[in-house]
Amino acid sequence: MLGVIKIEYIYAGLLLHNAKQPINEENLTKVLSASGISVDAARVKALVAALSEVNIDEVIKSAAVPMVAAPAAAAPQPAPAAEAKEEKKEEKKEAAEEEAVEGLGALFG
């Protein structure tokens, strides 16, 4: 039994299709070999045979899901407590920087 065609083989077929190259045993073998994949000739033959019956452009169109931007309100909002905590950290950091500047000013004053 041949088993399932590996995804790498399907990707190679899609790459050839996108490059407008024929999806045949020779081209699939070249793409897979160039990728460092150990090529199984039986899987290559099975994929070529399976894709010969498929209109790849139609399959891609029917499988494509339109991308819609999520509304801003749906985006997760940070908790108010987390915001307040972050503001306090920034205030403490600014106060420490001011003290450091004042301390340096005393050295040169």
PDB file of N, CA and C in Angstrom:
ATOM      1  N   MET A   1       0.835  -1.178   0.000  1.00  0.00           N
ATOM      2  CA  MET A   1       0.000   0.000   0.000  1.00  0.00           C
ATOM      3  C   MET A   1       0.880   1.241   0.000  1.00  0.00           C
ATOM      4  N   LEU A   2       0.533   2.204  -0.819  1.00  0.00           N
ATOM      5  CA  LEU A   2       1.314   3.430  -0.961  1.00  0.00           C
ATOM      6  C   LEU A   2       1.188   4.328   0.250  1.00  0.00           C
ATOM      7  N   GLY A   3       0.029   4.412   0.816  1.00  0.00           N
ATOM      8  CA  GLY A   3      -0.168   5.301   1.956  1.00  0.00           C
ATOM      9  C   GLY A   3      -0.493   6.718   1.494  1.00  0.00           C
ATOM     10  N   VAL A   4      -0.417   7.604   2.409  1.00  0.00           N
ATOM     11  CA  VAL A   4      -0.747   8.997   2.157  1.00  0.00           C
ATOM     12  C   VAL A   4       0.425   9.694   1.467  1.00  0.00           C
ATOM     13  N   ILE A   5       0.085  10.553   0.522  1.00  0.00           N
ATOM     14  CA  ILE A   5       1.130  11.344  -0.135  1.00  0.00           C
ATOM     15  C   ILE A   5       1.581  12.406   0.859  1.00  0.00           C
ATOM     16  N   LYS A   6       2.868  12.517   1.051  1.00  0.00           N
ATOM     17  CA  LYS A   6       3.408  13.462   2.018  1.00  0.00           C
ATOM     18  C   LYS A   6       3.169  14.888   1.562  1.00  0.00           C
ATOM     19  N   ILE A   7       3.046  15.764   2.530  1.00  0.00           N
ATOM     20  CA  ILE A   7       2.756  17.163   2.255  1.00  0.00           C
ATOM     21  C   ILE A   7       3.872  17.811   1.439  1.00  0.00           C
ATOM     22  N   GLU A   8       5.102  17.369   1.607  1.00  0.00           N
ATOM     23  CA  GLU A   8       6.211  17.931   0.845  1.00  0.00           C
ATOM     24  C   GLU A   8       6.002  17.738  -0.655  1.00  0.00           C
ATOM     25  N   TYR A   9       5.417  16.617  -1.012  1.00  0.00           N
ATOM     26  CA  TYR A   9       5.149  16.311  -2.416  1.00  0.00           C
ATOM     27  C   TYR A   9       4.065  17.256  -2.954  1.00  0.00           C
ATOM     28  N   ILE A  10       3.064  17.500  -2.128  1.00  0.00           N
ATOM     29  CA  ILE A  10       1.987  18.404  -2.540  1.00  0.00           C
ATOM     30  C   ILE A  10       2.528  19.820  -2.678  1.00  0.00           C
ATOM     31  N   TYR A  11       3.361  20.241  -1.730  1.00  0.00           N
ATOM     32  CA  TYR A  11       3.976  21.572  -1.824  1.00  0.00           C
ATOM     33  C   TYR A  11       4.798  21.699  -3.096  1.00  0.00           C
ATOM     34  N   ALA A  12       5.534  20.657  -3.423  1.00  0.00           N
ATOM     35  CA  ALA A  12       6.340  20.682  -4.643  1.00  0.00           C
ATOM     36  C   ALA A  12       5.438  20.832  -5.868  1.00  0.00           C
ATOM     37  N   GLY A  13       4.317  20.138  -5.864  1.00  0.00           N
ATOM     38  CA  GLY A  13       3.362  20.262  -6.964  1.00  0.00           C
ATOM     39  C   GLY A  13       2.798  21.670  -7.058  1.00  0.00           C
ATOM     40  N   LEU A  14       2.462  22.259  -5.910  1.00  0.00           N
ATOM     41  CA  LEU A  14       1.950  23.625  -5.899  1.00  0.00           C
ATOM     42  C   LEU A  14       3.011  24.621  -6.352  1.00  0.00           C
ATOM     43  N   LEU A  15       4.234  24.384  -5.970  1.00  0.00           N
ATOM     44  CA  LEU A  15       5.336  25.249  -6.407  1.00  0.00           C
ATOM     45  C   LEU A  15       5.486  25.198  -7.920  1.00  0.00           C
ATOM     46  N   LEU A  16       5.440  24.011  -8.481  1.00  0.00           N
ATOM     47  CA  LEU A  16       5.520  23.870  -9.938  1.00  0.00           C
ATOM     48  C   LEU A  16       4.335  24.551 -10.608  1.00  0.00           C
ATOM     49  N   HIS A  17       3.156  24.382 -10.047  1.00  0.00           N
ATOM     50  CA  HIS A  17       1.956  25.011 -10.608  1.00  0.00           C
ATOM     51  C   HIS A  17       2.102  26.532 -10.594  1.00  0.00           C
ATOM     52  N   ASN A  18       2.553  27.067  -9.468  1.00  0.00           N
ATOM     53  CA  ASN A  18       2.732  28.512  -9.328  1.00  0.00           C
ATOM     54  C   ASN A  18       3.777  29.043 -10.309  1.00  0.00           C
ATOM     55  N   ALA A  19       4.789  28.246 -10.580  1.00  0.00           N
ATOM     56  CA  ALA A  19       5.844  28.630 -11.525  1.00  0.00           C
ATOM     57  C   ALA A  19       5.437  28.353 -12.972  1.00  0.00           C
ATOM     58  N   LYS A  20       4.216  27.871 -13.152  1.00  0.00           N
ATOM     59  CA  LYS A  20       3.675  27.547 -14.477  1.00  0.00           C
ATOM     60  C   LYS A  20       4.537  26.503 -15.208  1.00  0.00           C
ATOM     61  N   GLN A  21       5.006  25.543 -14.424  1.00  0.00           N
ATOM     62  CA  GLN A  21       5.783  24.423 -14.952  1.00  0.00           C
ATOM     63  C   GLN A  21       4.904  23.176 -14.918  1.00  0.00           C
ATOM     64  N   PRO A  22       5.122  22.263 -15.852  1.00  0.00           N
ATOM     65  CA  PRO A  22       4.315  21.035 -15.837  1.00  0.00           C
ATOM     66  C   PRO A  22       4.572  20.210 -14.573  1.00  0.00           C
ATOM     67  N   ILE A  23       3.499  19.685 -14.027  1.00  0.00           N
ATOM     68  CA  ILE A  23       3.632  18.820 -12.849  1.00  0.00           C
ATOM     69  C   ILE A  23       3.775  17.401 -13.365  1.00  0.00           C
ATOM     70  N   ASN A  24       5.024  17.007 -13.538  1.00  0.00           N
ATOM     71  CA  ASN A  24       5.314  15.660 -14.018  1.00  0.00           C
ATOM     72  C   ASN A  24       6.357  15.022 -13.112  1.00  0.00           C
ATOM     73  N   GLU A  25       6.614  13.751 -13.336  1.00  0.00           N
ATOM     74  CA  GLU A  25       7.535  13.014 -12.460  1.00  0.00           C
ATOM     75  C   GLU A  25       8.922  13.642 -12.427  1.00  0.00           C
ATOM     76  N   GLU A  26       9.412  14.046 -13.583  1.00  0.00           N
ATOM     77  CA  GLU A  26      10.761  14.617 -13.652  1.00  0.00           C
ATOM     78  C   GLU A  26      10.851  15.915 -12.845  1.00  0.00           C
ATOM     79  N   ASN A  27       9.894  16.821 -13.052  1.00  0.00           N
ATOM     80  CA  ASN A  27       9.946  18.107 -12.354  1.00  0.00           C
ATOM     81  C   ASN A  27       9.731  17.955 -10.845  1.00  0.00           C
ATOM     82  N   LEU A  28       8.790  17.092 -10.467  1.00  0.00           N
ATOM     83  CA  LEU A  28       8.581  16.859  -9.035  1.00  0.00           C
ATOM     84  C   LEU A  28       9.829  16.278  -8.379  1.00  0.00           C
ATOM     85  N   THR A  29      10.453  15.340  -9.040  1.00  0.00           N
ATOM     86  CA  THR A  29      11.669  14.731  -8.508  1.00  0.00           C
ATOM     87  C   THR A  29      12.762  15.773  -8.349  1.00  0.00           C
ATOM     88  N   LYS A  30      12.904  16.661  -9.332  1.00  0.00           N
ATOM     89  CA  LYS A  30      13.923  17.715  -9.249  1.00  0.00           C
ATOM     90  C   LYS A  30      13.668  18.650  -8.068  1.00  0.00           C
ATOM     91  N   VAL A  31      12.423  19.078  -7.907  1.00  0.00           N
ATOM     92  CA  VAL A  31      12.094  20.004  -6.816  1.00  0.00           C
ATOM     93  C   VAL A  31      12.331  19.334  -5.462  1.00  0.00           C
ATOM     94  N   LEU A  32      11.857  18.115  -5.311  1.00  0.00           N
ATOM     95  CA  LEU A  32      12.023  17.408  -4.044  1.00  0.00           C
ATOM     96  C   LEU A  32      13.495  17.152  -3.739  1.00  0.00           C
ATOM     97  N   SER A  33      14.248  16.746  -4.739  1.00  0.00           N
ATOM     98  CA  SER A  33      15.682  16.485  -4.539  1.00  0.00           C
ATOM     99  C   SER A  33      16.423  17.766  -4.177  1.00  0.00           C
ATOM    100  N   ALA A  34      16.076  18.862  -4.847  1.00  0.00           N
ATOM    101  CA  ALA A  34      16.720  20.139  -4.560  1.00  0.00           C
ATOM    102  C   ALA A  34      16.422  20.599  -3.140  1.00  0.00           C
ATOM    103  N   SER A  35      15.310  20.127  -2.570  1.00  0.00           N
ATOM    104  CA  SER A  35      14.925  20.480  -1.207  1.00  0.00           C
ATOM    105  C   SER A  35      15.595  19.583  -0.178  1.00  0.00           C
ATOM    106  N   GLY A  36      16.337  18.599  -0.650  1.00  0.00           N
ATOM    107  CA  GLY A  36      17.000  17.680   0.261  1.00  0.00           C
ATOM    108  C   GLY A  36      16.105  16.556   0.749  1.00  0.00           C
ATOM    109  N   ILE A  37      14.996  16.346   0.051  1.00  0.00           N
ATOM    110  CA  ILE A  37      14.049  15.299   0.436  1.00  0.00           C
ATOM    111  C   ILE A  37      14.373  14.018  -0.316  1.00  0.00           C
ATOM    112  N   SER A  38      14.388  12.908   0.404  1.00  0.00           N
ATOM    113  CA  SER A  38      14.592  11.612  -0.224  1.00  0.00           C
ATOM    114  C   SER A  38      13.329  11.274  -1.014  1.00  0.00           C
ATOM    115  N   VAL A  39      13.471  11.116  -2.319  1.00  0.00           N
ATOM    116  CA  VAL A  39      12.317  10.972  -3.211  1.00  0.00           C
ATOM    117  C   VAL A  39      11.872   9.521  -3.304  1.00  0.00           C
ATOM    118  N   ASP A  40      10.578   9.317  -3.136  1.00  0.00           N
ATOM    119  CA  ASP A  40       9.954   8.011  -3.302  1.00  0.00           C
ATOM    120  C   ASP A  40       9.243   8.042  -4.659  1.00  0.00           C
ATOM    121  N   ALA A  41       9.768   7.309  -5.631  1.00  0.00           N
ATOM    122  CA  ALA A  41       9.242   7.334  -6.995  1.00  0.00           C
ATOM    123  C   ALA A  41       7.763   6.952  -7.055  1.00  0.00           C
ATOM    124  N   ALA A  42       7.341   6.019  -6.213  1.00  0.00           N
ATOM    125  CA  ALA A  42       5.936   5.600  -6.209  1.00  0.00           C
ATOM    126  C   ALA A  42       5.027   6.749  -5.765  1.00  0.00           C
ATOM    127  N   ARG A  43       5.462   7.514  -4.780  1.00  0.00           N
ATOM    128  CA  ARG A  43       4.662   8.664  -4.325  1.00  0.00           C
ATOM    129  C   ARG A  43       4.613   9.742  -5.396  1.00  0.00           C
ATOM    130  N   VAL A  44       5.725   9.938  -6.094  1.00  0.00           N
ATOM    131  CA  VAL A  44       5.758  10.931  -7.174  1.00  0.00           C
ATOM    132  C   VAL A  44       4.752  10.540  -8.249  1.00  0.00           C
ATOM    133  N   LYS A  45       4.776   9.282  -8.649  1.00  0.00           N
ATOM    134  CA  LYS A  45       3.839   8.802  -9.676  1.00  0.00           C
ATOM    135  C   LYS A  45       2.395   8.962  -9.221  1.00  0.00           C
ATOM    136  N   ALA A  46       2.131   8.637  -7.957  1.00  0.00           N
ATOM    137  CA  ALA A  46       0.776   8.743  -7.423  1.00  0.00           C
ATOM    138  C   ALA A  46       0.295  10.194  -7.427  1.00  0.00           C
ATOM    139  N   LEU A  47       1.166  11.114  -7.064  1.00  0.00           N
ATOM    140  CA  LEU A  47       0.780  12.517  -7.042  1.00  0.00           C
ATOM    141  C   LEU A  47       0.533  13.044  -8.447  1.00  0.00           C
ATOM    142  N   VAL A  48       1.397  12.697  -9.380  1.00  0.00           N
ATOM    143  CA  VAL A  48       1.213  13.137 -10.768  1.00  0.00           C
ATOM    144  C   VAL A  48      -0.126  12.615 -11.296  1.00  0.00           C
ATOM    145  N   ALA A  49      -0.430  11.363 -11.007  1.00  0.00           N
ATOM    146  CA  ALA A  49      -1.691  10.784 -11.469  1.00  0.00           C
ATOM    147  C   ALA A  49      -2.876  11.474 -10.806  1.00  0.00           C
ATOM    148  N   ALA A  50      -2.783  11.740  -9.526  1.00  0.00           N
ATOM    149  CA  ALA A  50      -3.886  12.374  -8.803  1.00  0.00           C
ATOM    150  C   ALA A  50      -4.111  13.803  -9.280  1.00  0.00           C
ATOM    151  N   LEU A  51      -3.035  14.538  -9.510  1.00  0.00           N
ATOM    152  CA  LEU A  51      -3.176  15.938  -9.929  1.00  0.00           C
ATOM    153  C   LEU A  51      -3.598  16.089 -11.383  1.00  0.00           C
ATOM    154  N   SER A  52      -3.425  15.036 -12.173  1.00  0.00           N
ATOM    155  CA  SER A  52      -3.832  15.131 -13.578  1.00  0.00           C
ATOM    156  C   SER A  52      -5.345  15.288 -13.703  1.00  0.00           C
ATOM    157  N   GLU A  53      -6.073  14.896 -12.663  1.00  0.00           N
ATOM    158  CA  GLU A  53      -7.537  14.970 -12.657  1.00  0.00           C
ATOM    159  C   GLU A  53      -8.062  16.228 -11.957  1.00  0.00           C
ATOM    160  N   VAL A  54      -7.159  17.090 -11.481  1.00  0.00           N
ATOM    161  CA  VAL A  54      -7.560  18.206 -10.636  1.00  0.00           C
ATOM    162  C   VAL A  54      -7.273  19.547 -11.312  1.00  0.00           C
ATOM    163  N   ASN A  55      -8.237  20.463 -11.227  1.00  0.00           N
ATOM    164  CA  ASN A  55      -8.014  21.843 -11.663  1.00  0.00           C
ATOM    165  C   ASN A  55      -7.534  22.592 -10.417  1.00  0.00           C
ATOM    166  N   ILE A  56      -6.225  22.753 -10.307  1.00  0.00           N
ATOM    167  CA  ILE A  56      -5.622  23.315  -9.094  1.00  0.00           C
ATOM    168  C   ILE A  56      -6.134  24.724  -8.817  1.00  0.00           C
ATOM    169  N   ASP A  57      -6.281  25.538  -9.851  1.00  0.00           N
ATOM    170  CA  ASP A  57      -6.765  26.908  -9.648  1.00  0.00           C
ATOM    171  C   ASP A  57      -8.151  26.917  -9.004  1.00  0.00           C
ATOM    172  N   GLU A  58      -9.025  26.028  -9.459  1.00  0.00           N
ATOM    173  CA  GLU A  58     -10.374  25.952  -8.892  1.00  0.00           C
ATOM    174  C   GLU A  58     -10.342  25.475  -7.441  1.00  0.00           C
ATOM    175  N   VAL A  59      -9.477  24.525  -7.158  1.00  0.00           N
ATOM    176  CA  VAL A  59      -9.367  24.020  -5.786  1.00  0.00           C
ATOM    177  C   VAL A  59      -8.881  25.127  -4.863  1.00  0.00           C
ATOM    178  N   ILE A  60      -7.897  25.890  -5.314  1.00  0.00           N
ATOM    179  CA  ILE A  60      -7.375  26.985  -4.501  1.00  0.00           C
ATOM    180  C   ILE A  60      -8.459  28.032  -4.262  1.00  0.00           C
ATOM    181  N   LYS A  61      -9.204  28.371  -5.321  1.00  0.00           N
ATOM    182  CA  LYS A  61     -10.269  29.366  -5.169  1.00  0.00           C
ATOM    183  C   LYS A  61     -11.344  28.890  -4.198  1.00  0.00           C
ATOM    184  N   SER A  62     -11.727  27.636  -4.297  1.00  0.00           N
ATOM    185  CA  SER A  62     -12.790  27.135  -3.425  1.00  0.00           C
ATOM    186  C   SER A  62     -12.317  26.961  -1.986  1.00  0.00           C
ATOM    187  N   ALA A  63     -11.032  26.766  -1.789  1.00  0.00           N
ATOM    188  CA  ALA A  63     -10.496  26.578  -0.445  1.00  0.00           C
ATOM    189  C   ALA A  63     -10.107  27.891   0.204  1.00  0.00           C
ATOM    190  N   ALA A  64      -9.958  28.934  -0.583  1.00  0.00           N
ATOM    191  CA  ALA A  64      -9.511  30.216  -0.037  1.00  0.00           C
ATOM    192  C   ALA A  64     -10.576  30.801   0.873  1.00  0.00           C
ATOM    193  N   VAL A  65     -10.135  31.281   2.005  1.00  0.00           N
ATOM    194  CA  VAL A  65     -11.018  31.930   2.960  1.00  0.00           C
ATOM    195  C   VAL A  65     -10.692  33.416   2.924  1.00  0.00           C
ATOM    196  N   PRO A  66     -11.690  34.252   2.668  1.00  0.00           N
ATOM    197  CA  PRO A  66     -11.394  35.679   2.631  1.00  0.00           C
ATOM    198  C   PRO A  66     -10.919  36.173   3.985  1.00  0.00           C
ATOM    199  N   MET A  67      -9.889  36.979   3.963  1.00  0.00           N
ATOM    200  CA  MET A  67      -9.335  37.538   5.187  1.00  0.00           C
ATOM    201  C   MET A  67     -10.068  38.836   5.489  1.00  0.00           C
ATOM    202  N   VAL A  68     -10.637  38.910   6.658  1.00  0.00           N
ATOM    203  CA  VAL A  68     -11.365  40.096   7.083  1.00  0.00           C
ATOM    204  C   VAL A  68     -10.704  40.618   8.343  1.00  0.00           C
ATOM    205  N   ALA A  69     -10.454  41.913   8.369  1.00  0.00           N
ATOM    206  CA  ALA A  69      -9.843  42.496   9.557  1.00  0.00           C
ATOM    207  C   ALA A  69     -10.830  42.433  10.710  1.00  0.00           C
ATOM    208  N   ALA A  70     -10.321  42.088  11.858  1.00  0.00           N
ATOM    209  CA  ALA A  70     -11.168  42.023  13.050  1.00  0.00           C
ATOM    210  C   ALA A  70     -11.502  43.443  13.492  1.00  0.00           C
ATOM    211  N   PRO A  71     -12.713  43.661  13.939  1.00  0.00           N
ATOM    212  CA  PRO A  71     -13.055  44.999  14.440  1.00  0.00           C
ATOM    213  C   PRO A  71     -12.205  45.336  15.654  1.00  0.00           C
ATOM    214  N   ALA A  72     -11.916  46.602  15.820  1.00  0.00           N
ATOM    215  CA  ALA A  72     -11.055  47.041  16.920  1.00  0.00           C
ATOM    216  C   ALA A  72     -11.630  46.650  18.270  1.00  0.00           C
ATOM    217  N   ALA A  73     -12.934  46.661  18.404  1.00  0.00           N
ATOM    218  CA  ALA A  73     -13.561  46.320  19.679  1.00  0.00           C
ATOM    219  C   ALA A  73     -13.338  44.857  20.038  1.00  0.00           C
ATOM    220  N   ALA A  74     -13.108  44.014  19.035  1.00  0.00           N
ATOM    221  CA  ALA A  74     -12.924  42.593  19.302  1.00  0.00           C
ATOM    222  C   ALA A  74     -11.512  42.286  19.796  1.00  0.00           C
ATOM    223  N   ALA A  75     -10.596  43.223  19.605  1.00  0.00           N
ATOM    224  CA  ALA A  75      -9.224  43.000  20.046  1.00  0.00           C
ATOM    225  C   ALA A  75      -9.191  42.966  21.566  1.00  0.00           C
ATOM    226  N   PRO A  76      -8.403  42.066  22.138  1.00  0.00           N
ATOM    227  CA  PRO A  76      -8.340  41.989  23.597  1.00  0.00           C
ATOM    228  C   PRO A  76      -7.767  43.283  24.181  1.00  0.00           C
ATOM    229  N   GLN A  77      -8.397  43.748  25.234  1.00  0.00           N
ATOM    230  CA  GLN A  77      -7.966  44.977  25.891  1.00  0.00           C
ATOM    231  C   GLN A  77      -7.257  44.609  27.185  1.00  0.00           C
ATOM    232  N   PRO A  78      -6.151  45.306  27.489  1.00  0.00           N
ATOM    233  CA  PRO A  78      -5.483  45.010  28.754  1.00  0.00           C
ATOM    234  C   PRO A  78      -6.374  45.391  29.937  1.00  0.00           C
ATOM    235  N   ALA A  79      -6.233  44.672  30.990  1.00  0.00           N
ATOM    236  CA  ALA A  79      -7.028  44.935  32.185  1.00  0.00           C
ATOM    237  C   ALA A  79      -6.624  46.278  32.784  1.00  0.00           C
ATOM    238  N   PRO A  80      -7.574  47.025  33.348  1.00  0.00           N
ATOM    239  CA  PRO A  80      -7.247  48.321  33.942  1.00  0.00           C
ATOM    240  C   PRO A  80      -6.180  48.222  35.022  1.00  0.00           C
ATOM    241  N   ALA A  81      -6.202  47.160  35.812  1.00  0.00           N
ATOM    242  CA  ALA A  81      -5.200  46.993  36.863  1.00  0.00           C
ATOM    243  C   ALA A  81      -3.809  46.851  36.259  1.00  0.00           C
ATOM    244  N   ALA A  82      -3.701  46.142  35.139  1.00  0.00           N
ATOM    245  CA  ALA A  82      -2.413  45.962  34.482  1.00  0.00           C
ATOM    246  C   ALA A  82      -1.899  47.292  33.947  1.00  0.00           C
ATOM    247  N   GLU A  83      -2.819  48.119  33.421  1.00  0.00           N
ATOM    248  CA  GLU A  83      -2.413  49.431  32.917  1.00  0.00           C
ATOM    249  C   GLU A  83      -1.906  50.309  34.057  1.00  0.00           C
ATOM    250  N   ALA A  84      -2.614  50.305  35.172  1.00  0.00           N
ATOM    251  CA  ALA A  84      -2.218  51.114  36.320  1.00  0.00           C
ATOM    252  C   ALA A  84      -0.867  50.671  36.855  1.00  0.00           C
ATOM    253  N   LYS A  85      -0.649  49.372  36.887  1.00  0.00           N
ATOM    254  CA  LYS A  85       0.617  48.830  37.361  1.00  0.00           C
ATOM    255  C   LYS A  85       1.763  49.260  36.446  1.00  0.00           C
ATOM    256  N   GLU A  86       1.509  49.228  35.130  1.00  0.00           N
ATOM    257  CA  GLU A  86       2.510  49.630  34.152  1.00  0.00           C
ATOM    258  C   GLU A  86       2.841  51.113  34.298  1.00  0.00           C
ATOM    259  N   GLU A  87       1.820  51.944  34.526  1.00  0.00           N
ATOM    260  CA  GLU A  87       2.037  53.385  34.705  1.00  0.00           C
ATOM    261  C   GLU A  87       2.879  53.649  35.943  1.00  0.00           C
ATOM    262  N   LYS A  88       2.613  52.916  37.041  1.00  0.00           N
ATOM    263  CA  LYS A  88       3.388  53.100  38.265  1.00  0.00           C
ATOM    264  C   LYS A  88       4.852  52.740  38.037  1.00  0.00           C
ATOM    265  N   LYS A  89       5.101  51.682  37.267  1.00  0.00           N
ATOM    266  CA  LYS A  89       6.482  51.286  36.970  1.00  0.00           C
ATOM    267  C   LYS A  89       7.193  52.391  36.208  1.00  0.00           C
ATOM    268  N   GLU A  90       6.487  52.976  35.233  1.00  0.00           N
ATOM    269  CA  GLU A  90       7.085  54.047  34.441  1.00  0.00           C
ATOM    270  C   GLU A  90       7.359  55.272  35.305  1.00  0.00           C
ATOM    271  N   GLU A  91       6.432  55.611  36.212  1.00  0.00           N
ATOM    272  CA  GLU A  91       6.621  56.750  37.099  1.00  0.00           C
ATOM    273  C   GLU A  91       7.824  56.537  37.998  1.00  0.00           C
ATOM    274  N   LYS A  92       7.963  55.333  38.562  1.00  0.00           N
ATOM    275  CA  LYS A  92       9.102  55.027  39.432  1.00  0.00           C
ATOM    276  C   LYS A  92      10.415  55.126  38.661  1.00  0.00           C
ATOM    277  N   LYS A  93      10.400  54.644  37.430  1.00  0.00           N
ATOM    278  CA  LYS A  93      11.598  54.690  36.605  1.00  0.00           C
ATOM    279  C   LYS A  93      11.991  56.139  36.319  1.00  0.00           C
ATOM    280  N   GLU A  94      10.996  56.992  36.007  1.00  0.00           N
ATOM    281  CA  GLU A  94      11.267  58.402  35.738  1.00  0.00           C
ATOM    282  C   GLU A  94      11.797  59.104  36.985  1.00  0.00           C
ATOM    283  N   ALA A  95      11.220  58.782  38.153  1.00  0.00           N
ATOM    284  CA  ALA A  95      11.678  59.385  39.408  1.00  0.00           C
ATOM    285  C   ALA A  95      13.116  58.977  39.697  1.00  0.00           C
ATOM    286  N   ALA A  96      13.459  57.731  39.458  1.00  0.00           N
ATOM    287  CA  ALA A  96      14.822  57.259  39.684  1.00  0.00           C
ATOM    288  C   ALA A  96      15.799  57.960  38.742  1.00  0.00           C
ATOM    289  N   GLU A  97      15.386  58.163  37.505  1.00  0.00           N
ATOM    290  CA  GLU A  97      16.250  58.862  36.550  1.00  0.00           C
ATOM    291  C   GLU A  97      16.469  60.311  36.975  1.00  0.00           C
ATOM    292  N   GLU A  98      15.396  60.976  37.470  1.00  0.00           N
ATOM    293  CA  GLU A  98      15.518  62.356  37.930  1.00  0.00           C
ATOM    294  C   GLU A  98      16.476  62.450  39.116  1.00  0.00           C
ATOM    295  N   GLU A  99      16.363  61.509  40.051  1.00  0.00           N
ATOM    296  CA  GLU A  99      17.261  61.497  41.207  1.00  0.00           C
ATOM    297  C   GLU A  99      18.705  61.311  40.767  1.00  0.00           C
ATOM    298  N   ALA A 100      18.927  60.448  39.775  1.00  0.00           N
ATOM    299  CA  ALA A 100      20.282  60.220  39.291  1.00  0.00           C
ATOM    300  C   ALA A 100      20.853  61.478  38.664  1.00  0.00           C
ATOM    301  N   VAL A 101      20.034  62.202  37.902  1.00  0.00           N
ATOM    302  CA  VAL A 101      20.477  63.441  37.273  1.00  0.00           C
ATOM    303  C   VAL A 101      20.796  64.485  38.335  1.00  0.00           C
ATOM    304  N   GLU A 102      19.935  64.583  39.381  1.00  0.00           N
ATOM    305  CA  GLU A 102      20.190  65.525  40.462  1.00  0.00           C
ATOM    306  C   GLU A 102      21.480  65.189  41.189  1.00  0.00           C
ATOM    307  N   GLY A 103      21.711  63.897  41.400  1.00  0.00           N
ATOM    308  CA  GLY A 103      22.934  63.475  42.078  1.00  0.00           C
ATOM    309  C   GLY A 103      24.175  63.841  41.261  1.00  0.00           C
ATOM    310  N   LEU A 104      24.104  63.692  39.958  1.00  0.00           N
ATOM    311  CA  LEU A 104      25.238  64.070  39.111  1.00  0.00           C
ATOM    312  C   LEU A 104      25.424  65.580  39.118  1.00  0.00           C
ATOM    313  N   GLY A 105      24.317  66.320  39.187  1.00  0.00           N
ATOM    314  CA  GLY A 105      24.393  67.779  39.226  1.00  0.00           C
ATOM    315  C   GLY A 105      25.108  68.250  40.487  1.00  0.00           C
ATOM    316  N   ALA A 106      24.912  67.545  41.608  1.00  0.00           N
ATOM    317  CA  ALA A 106      25.563  67.924  42.868  1.00  0.00           C
ATOM    318  C   ALA A 106      27.066  67.738  42.776  1.00  0.00           C
ATOM    319  N   LEU A 107      27.511  66.778  41.986  1.00  0.00           N
ATOM    320  CA  LEU A 107      28.960  66.564  41.840  1.00  0.00           C
ATOM    321  C   LEU A 107      29.615  67.733  41.124  1.00  0.00           C
ATOM    322  N   PHE A 108      28.912  68.359  40.207  1.00  0.00           N
ATOM    323  CA  PHE A 108      29.497  69.422  39.416  1.00  0.00           C
ATOM    324  C   PHE A 108      29.035  70.799  39.874  1.00  0.00           C
ATOM    325  N   GLY A 109      28.263  70.889  40.923  1.00  0.00           N
ATOM    326  CA  GLY A 109      27.675  72.154  41.361  1.00  0.00           C
ATOM    327  C   GLY A 109      28.505  72.941  42.271  1.00  0.00           C
TER     328      GLY A 109
END
